[in-house]
Amino acid sequence: MTPAPLFNEVAEGPDDGQGVWLQTSDGKRLRAGFWNAAGPKGTVVLLPGRSEYVEKYGRTAAALSQSGYATLTVDWRGQGMSDRALVDPLVGHVTDFAEYQTDLDVLMSFARAQGLPQPLHMLAHSMGGTIGLRALMRGLPFRTAVFSGPMWGILISPAMRPVATVLSATSTLLGYSHRYVLGTGPAIYVTDSPFERNTLTTNPDMWDYMRRQALAHPELSLGGPSFGWLHAALTECRALGRLPSPVLPTLCAMGARERIVDPAPILARMSRWPNGHLRIVQNSEHEVLMERPALRDAFLTDATALFGQ
């Protein structure tokens, strides 16, 4: 695979981080990132959330490297430096969440072809948790799975949920599936929102880390989702909610202040997941991996303990 840009000056990961271009079966070009570890015990396949990109997880990769795990991650189609679907590159858009499974398939093929350290462990955040849960149900070869604020449901007020469902479902028929969901737009959250009112982290250092990345490389950023993405997400969350959890060791962390994804499906699924454990992280917002060191490190300690079982 040909080298791809990896902006190490903002990633703050291990020194040997590298980027590669991957080609999906439906012709999309994706960018993946890999960080190795000394004498690795395995590889963590890190599945990012909506609007995220490889460099955001440089610090996470550094922490995993110190624990003996390599890290492989990806810019999903439509975000980061991977191919974007629309003329407006800031609209987050897919027509079906199966497209993300196509992305994950080529990432897993890369891991096999390159002989990355085994076994493979999943670490999935937010929308990555939706993609990751479907992947486990498909039987992809992960030894363990760790979730952070997984998007197994979208937080919409009861009054607005029927409206959002109808508008998104009819968007393709009426020709506006490519448009931003009402109340969103091209604004970049970490550069256009004040830290004091953010719903991602209580850690000002991590907020500054994400903000510096977005300012240094605006081409990595993404605005709001499209109606098409919303319809695809609601459809996938409903479909997954009807299926039983796979049987493999699993840890799920959810911030006690969660305000991005719907906590109810997380609580419901983890209450019945065989060999699964839920951690409610007190004083944490949505992104536990971007939280204050004590919270983040405790989560990663639990995660690597599970990986090492």
Protein backbone atom coordinates (compact mmCIF):
# COMPACT_ATOMS: atom_id res chain seq x y z
CA MET A 1 0.00 0.00 0.00
CA THR A 2 1.23 3.52 -0.78
CA PRO A 3 2.12 5.89 2.07
CA ALA A 4 -0.52 8.42 3.18
CA PRO A 5 0.00 11.64 5.11
CA LEU A 6 0.03 11.25 8.90
CA PHE A 7 0.31 14.57 10.66
CA ASN A 8 2.66 13.55 13.44
CA GLU A 9 3.09 17.10 14.70
CA VAL A 10 -0.50 17.02 15.96
CA ALA A 11 -0.96 13.30 16.62
CA GLU A 12 1.40 13.07 19.63
CA GLY A 13 1.58 9.30 19.20
CA PRO A 14 4.53 6.88 19.08
CA ASP A 15 7.35 7.95 16.78
CA ASP A 16 6.79 5.13 14.28
CA GLY A 17 3.23 6.06 13.33
CA GLN A 18 2.55 5.70 9.61
CA GLY A 19 -0.35 6.26 7.25
CA VAL A 20 -1.43 4.17 4.27
CA TRP A 21 -4.05 4.47 1.53
CA LEU A 22 -6.56 1.63 1.20
CA GLN A 23 -9.03 0.95 -1.62
CA THR A 24 -12.47 -0.43 -0.77
CA SER A 25 -14.39 -2.94 -2.86
CA ASP A 26 -16.73 -0.14 -4.01
CA GLY A 27 -13.88 2.13 -5.11
CA LYS A 28 -13.49 4.48 -2.16
CA ARG A 29 -10.05 5.62 -1.05
CA LEU A 30 -9.54 5.44 2.71
CA ARG A 31 -6.66 6.55 4.90
CA ALA A 32 -5.55 4.25 7.72
CA GLY A 33 -3.01 4.88 10.47
CA PHE A 34 -0.82 2.38 12.30
CA TRP A 35 1.37 2.71 15.39
CA ASN A 36 3.51 -0.22 16.45
CA ALA A 37 4.70 -1.23 19.91
CA ALA A 38 7.83 -2.90 21.22
CA GLY A 39 7.28 -6.65 21.53
CA PRO A 40 3.56 -6.23 20.87
CA LYS A 41 1.03 -8.44 22.62
CA GLY A 42 -1.52 -7.81 19.87
CA THR A 43 -3.17 -5.06 17.83
CA VAL A 44 -5.98 -2.78 18.91
CA VAL A 45 -8.27 -1.93 15.98
CA LEU A 46 -9.58 1.47 16.98
CA LEU A 47 -12.92 2.43 15.39
CA PRO A 48 -13.43 6.21 15.60
CA GLY A 49 -16.68 8.11 15.91
CA ARG A 50 -18.48 10.40 13.49
CA SER A 51 -16.37 13.40 12.38
CA GLU A 52 -13.14 11.90 13.80
CA TYR A 53 -9.81 11.12 12.12
CA VAL A 54 -6.60 9.17 12.69
CA GLU A 55 -4.57 11.87 14.47
CA LYS A 56 -7.18 12.44 17.16
CA TYR A 57 -6.15 9.11 18.69
CA GLY A 58 -2.39 9.70 18.73
CA ARG A 59 -2.32 10.02 22.51
CA THR A 60 -4.45 6.89 22.90
CA ALA A 61 -2.05 5.00 20.61
CA ALA A 62 0.87 6.19 22.74
CA ALA A 63 -0.78 4.89 25.90
CA LEU A 64 -1.60 1.56 24.26
CA SER A 65 1.97 1.29 22.97
CA GLN A 66 3.28 1.70 26.50
CA SER A 67 1.05 -1.23 27.51
CA GLY A 68 2.42 -3.35 24.66
CA TYR A 69 -0.30 -3.01 22.03
CA ALA A 70 -0.05 -1.78 18.45
CA THR A 71 -2.90 0.41 17.17
CA LEU A 72 -4.61 0.38 13.77
CA THR A 73 -7.27 2.98 12.98
CA VAL A 74 -8.98 4.56 9.98
CA ASP A 75 -10.62 7.64 8.55
CA TRP A 76 -14.09 6.34 7.67
CA ARG A 77 -15.40 7.30 4.24
CA GLY A 78 -16.67 10.86 4.29
CA GLN A 79 -14.32 12.09 7.00
CA GLY A 80 -10.67 12.79 7.71
CA MET A 81 -8.64 12.43 4.51
CA SER A 82 -10.73 9.60 3.09
CA ASP A 83 -12.97 10.17 0.07
CA ARG A 84 -15.96 12.39 0.79
CA ALA A 85 -19.32 11.80 -0.79
CA LEU A 86 -20.66 15.27 -1.55
CA VAL A 87 -19.61 18.53 -3.18
CA ASP A 88 -19.74 20.13 0.28
CA PRO A 89 -16.97 18.17 2.05
CA LEU A 90 -18.19 19.22 5.49
CA VAL A 91 -21.47 17.27 5.29
CA GLY A 92 -21.20 13.89 7.02
CA HIS A 93 -23.05 11.59 4.62
CA VAL A 94 -23.69 7.93 3.87
CA THR A 95 -26.81 6.27 2.52
CA ASP A 96 -26.45 3.00 4.46
CA PHE A 97 -24.33 1.99 7.44
CA ALA A 98 -23.34 -1.11 5.47
CA GLU A 99 -20.91 1.22 3.71
CA TYR A 100 -18.89 1.42 6.93
CA GLN A 101 -18.70 -2.38 7.04
CA THR A 102 -17.11 -2.22 3.60
CA ASP A 103 -14.53 0.17 5.07
CA LEU A 104 -13.87 -2.12 8.02
CA ASP A 105 -13.49 -5.13 5.73
CA VAL A 106 -10.62 -3.49 3.82
CA LEU A 107 -9.02 -2.43 7.11
CA MET A 108 -9.15 -6.02 8.37
CA SER A 109 -7.76 -7.26 5.05
CA PHE A 110 -4.85 -4.85 5.48
CA ALA A 111 -4.21 -6.19 8.99
CA ARG A 112 -4.06 -9.75 7.64
CA ALA A 113 -1.95 -8.90 4.60
CA GLN A 114 0.60 -6.99 6.68
CA GLY A 115 0.75 -9.66 9.37
CA LEU A 116 -0.06 -7.21 12.16
CA PRO A 117 0.48 -8.54 15.68
CA GLN A 118 -2.18 -10.97 16.85
CA PRO A 119 -4.66 -11.26 18.45
CA LEU A 120 -6.89 -8.38 17.35
CA HIS A 121 -8.86 -6.40 19.93
CA MET A 122 -11.57 -3.85 19.20
CA LEU A 123 -11.71 -0.38 20.76
CA ALA A 124 -14.74 1.48 19.41
CA HIS A 125 -16.01 4.98 20.21
CA SER A 126 -19.46 6.47 19.55
CA MET A 127 -20.41 5.81 15.90
CA GLY A 128 -17.51 3.38 15.85
CA GLY A 129 -19.47 1.44 18.46
CA THR A 130 -22.37 1.05 16.02
CA ILE A 131 -19.99 -0.18 13.33
CA GLY A 132 -18.13 -2.38 15.78
CA LEU A 133 -21.24 -4.06 17.19
CA ARG A 134 -22.39 -4.97 13.68
CA ALA A 135 -18.89 -6.29 12.92
CA LEU A 136 -18.99 -8.57 15.97
CA MET A 137 -22.41 -9.83 14.94
CA ARG A 138 -20.92 -10.58 11.51
CA GLY A 139 -18.26 -12.69 13.21
CA LEU A 140 -15.15 -10.63 12.49
CA PRO A 141 -12.17 -12.14 14.36
CA PHE A 142 -11.78 -9.98 17.46
CA ARG A 143 -10.63 -11.59 20.70
CA THR A 144 -12.21 -8.90 22.90
CA ALA A 145 -14.19 -5.67 22.45
CA VAL A 146 -14.12 -2.37 24.36
CA PHE A 147 -16.67 0.38 23.75
CA SER A 148 -16.63 4.05 24.72
CA GLY A 149 -19.96 5.90 24.63
CA PRO A 150 -21.23 3.61 21.84
CA MET A 151 -23.90 5.04 19.55
CA TRP A 152 -26.44 2.25 19.98
CA GLY A 153 -29.13 4.93 19.98
CA ILE A 154 -29.24 8.62 19.06
CA LEU A 155 -30.25 11.08 21.75
CA ILE A 156 -33.35 12.85 20.39
CA SER A 157 -36.10 14.32 22.54
CA PRO A 158 -39.35 12.29 22.57
CA ALA A 159 -41.20 15.19 20.95
CA MET A 160 -38.69 15.48 18.09
CA ARG A 161 -38.04 11.78 17.44
CA PRO A 162 -41.10 11.23 15.18
CA VAL A 163 -40.23 14.39 13.24
CA ALA A 164 -36.58 13.34 12.81
CA THR A 165 -37.63 9.84 11.76
CA VAL A 166 -40.10 11.03 9.13
CA LEU A 167 -37.88 13.80 7.74
CA SER A 168 -34.87 11.52 7.41
CA ALA A 169 -36.88 8.63 5.97
CA THR A 170 -38.41 10.80 3.23
CA SER A 171 -35.22 12.73 2.46
CA THR A 172 -34.08 10.50 -0.40
CA LEU A 173 -37.54 10.36 -1.99
CA LEU A 174 -37.87 14.16 -1.85
CA GLY A 175 -34.28 14.88 -2.89
CA TYR A 176 -32.78 16.46 0.23
CA SER A 177 -30.87 13.52 1.76
CA HIS A 178 -27.61 15.40 1.12
CA ARG A 179 -28.62 18.42 3.18
CA TYR A 180 -27.59 19.09 6.77
CA VAL A 181 -29.95 17.89 9.47
CA LEU A 182 -31.95 20.81 10.85
CA GLY A 183 -30.04 22.62 13.59
CA THR A 184 -26.64 21.60 12.19
CA GLY A 185 -24.39 23.01 9.49
CA PRO A 186 -20.78 23.36 8.38
CA ALA A 187 -19.54 24.62 11.76
CA ILE A 188 -16.64 22.64 13.30
CA TYR A 189 -17.62 21.83 16.87
CA VAL A 190 -14.23 22.10 18.56
CA THR A 191 -13.31 25.39 16.89
CA ASP A 192 -16.73 27.05 16.98
CA SER A 193 -17.92 26.05 20.49
CA PRO A 194 -16.61 27.30 23.85
CA PHE A 195 -15.00 24.76 26.16
CA GLU A 196 -17.32 25.78 28.99
CA ARG A 197 -20.41 24.50 27.15
CA ASN A 198 -18.94 21.52 25.31
CA THR A 199 -20.42 18.03 25.63
CA LEU A 200 -17.26 16.04 24.82
CA THR A 201 -14.82 16.40 27.73
CA THR A 202 -14.22 18.11 31.06
CA ASN A 203 -10.48 18.26 30.34
CA PRO A 204 -9.31 21.65 28.98
CA ASP A 205 -5.98 20.16 27.87
CA MET A 206 -7.70 17.55 25.67
CA TRP A 207 -10.09 20.20 24.35
CA ASP A 208 -7.08 22.31 23.36
CA TYR A 209 -5.43 19.23 21.79
CA MET A 210 -8.46 18.62 19.57
CA ARG A 211 -8.84 22.31 18.80
CA ARG A 212 -5.18 22.67 17.76
CA GLN A 213 -5.53 19.71 15.41
CA ALA A 214 -8.63 21.19 13.77
CA LEU A 215 -6.97 24.57 13.32
CA ALA A 216 -3.68 23.14 12.03
CA HIS A 217 -5.37 20.80 9.52
CA PRO A 218 -8.93 21.96 8.77
CA GLU A 219 -9.12 19.44 5.94
CA LEU A 220 -9.53 16.72 8.60
CA SER A 221 -12.67 18.28 10.07
CA LEU A 222 -16.36 17.59 9.48
CA GLY A 223 -19.54 19.54 10.11
CA GLY A 224 -23.02 18.25 10.82
CA PRO A 225 -24.63 15.07 9.47
CA SER A 226 -26.91 14.84 6.47
CA PHE A 227 -30.51 13.64 6.53
CA GLY A 228 -29.25 10.59 4.67
CA TRP A 229 -26.75 9.80 7.43
CA LEU A 230 -29.43 10.29 10.09
CA HIS A 231 -31.82 7.91 8.38
CA ALA A 232 -29.08 5.32 7.95
CA ALA A 233 -28.04 5.68 11.60
CA LEU A 234 -31.57 5.39 12.98
CA THR A 235 -32.21 2.36 10.77
CA GLU A 236 -29.02 0.61 11.90
CA CYS A 237 -29.58 1.33 15.59
CA ARG A 238 -33.10 -0.12 15.39
CA ALA A 239 -31.84 -3.20 13.55
CA LEU A 240 -29.01 -3.82 16.02
CA GLY A 241 -31.35 -3.34 18.97
CA ARG A 242 -33.38 -6.38 17.90
CA LEU A 243 -30.35 -8.70 17.87
CA PRO A 244 -28.66 -10.53 20.76
CA SER A 245 -25.17 -9.59 21.86
CA PRO A 246 -22.26 -11.74 20.69
CA VAL A 247 -20.49 -13.90 23.25
CA LEU A 248 -17.00 -12.50 23.81
CA PRO A 249 -15.35 -10.60 26.69
CA THR A 250 -16.54 -7.00 26.51
CA LEU A 251 -16.11 -3.75 28.43
CA CYS A 252 -18.25 -0.68 27.87
CA ALA A 253 -17.61 2.74 29.40
CA MET A 254 -20.21 5.51 29.46
CA GLY A 255 -19.76 8.97 30.92
CA ALA A 256 -22.19 9.81 33.69
CA ARG A 257 -22.76 13.14 31.91
CA GLU A 258 -23.47 11.54 28.52
CA ARG A 259 -25.36 14.01 26.29
CA ILE A 260 -24.45 12.87 22.76
CA VAL A 261 -25.73 9.30 22.42
CA ASP A 262 -28.78 7.76 24.07
CA PRO A 263 -27.78 6.03 27.34
CA ALA A 264 -30.89 3.80 27.45
CA PRO A 265 -29.82 1.30 24.73
CA ILE A 266 -26.36 1.10 26.30
CA LEU A 267 -27.79 0.25 29.70
CA ALA A 268 -30.23 -2.23 28.19
CA ARG A 269 -27.68 -4.08 26.07
CA MET A 270 -24.95 -4.26 28.67
CA SER A 271 -27.41 -5.58 31.27
CA ARG A 272 -27.83 -8.69 29.12
CA TRP A 273 -24.41 -9.02 27.43
CA PRO A 274 -22.84 -12.39 28.30
CA ASN A 275 -19.36 -11.80 29.68
CA GLY A 276 -19.87 -8.03 29.37
CA HIS A 277 -19.20 -5.29 31.93
CA LEU A 278 -20.43 -1.70 32.03
CA ARG A 279 -18.48 1.14 33.70
CA ILE A 280 -20.31 4.37 34.41
CA VAL A 281 -17.52 6.96 34.53
CA GLN A 282 -18.41 9.64 37.03
CA ASN A 283 -17.76 13.27 36.07
CA SER A 284 -17.13 12.27 32.45
CA GLU A 285 -18.73 13.62 29.29
CA HIS A 286 -19.10 11.61 26.06
CA GLU A 287 -15.42 11.03 25.23
CA VAL A 288 -13.84 9.06 28.06
CA LEU A 289 -10.64 8.66 26.01
CA MET A 290 -10.36 12.47 25.87
CA GLU A 291 -11.11 13.00 29.55
CA ARG A 292 -8.92 14.06 32.46
CA PRO A 293 -5.89 11.77 32.96
CA ALA A 294 -7.29 9.96 36.01
CA LEU A 295 -10.50 9.01 34.17
CA ARG A 296 -8.86 8.18 30.86
CA ASP A 297 -6.03 6.17 32.41
CA ALA A 298 -8.43 4.14 34.57
CA PHE A 299 -10.46 3.25 31.48
CA LEU A 300 -7.38 2.27 29.48
CA THR A 301 -6.10 0.19 32.41
CA ASP A 302 -9.39 -1.72 32.45
CA ALA A 303 -9.27 -2.07 28.66
CA THR A 304 -5.74 -3.45 28.52
CA ALA A 305 -6.52 -5.79 31.41
CA LEU A 306 -9.36 -7.21 29.31
CA PHE A 307 -7.09 -7.46 26.25
CA GLY A 308 -4.58 -9.42 28.31
CA GLN A 309 -6.99 -12.01 29.65
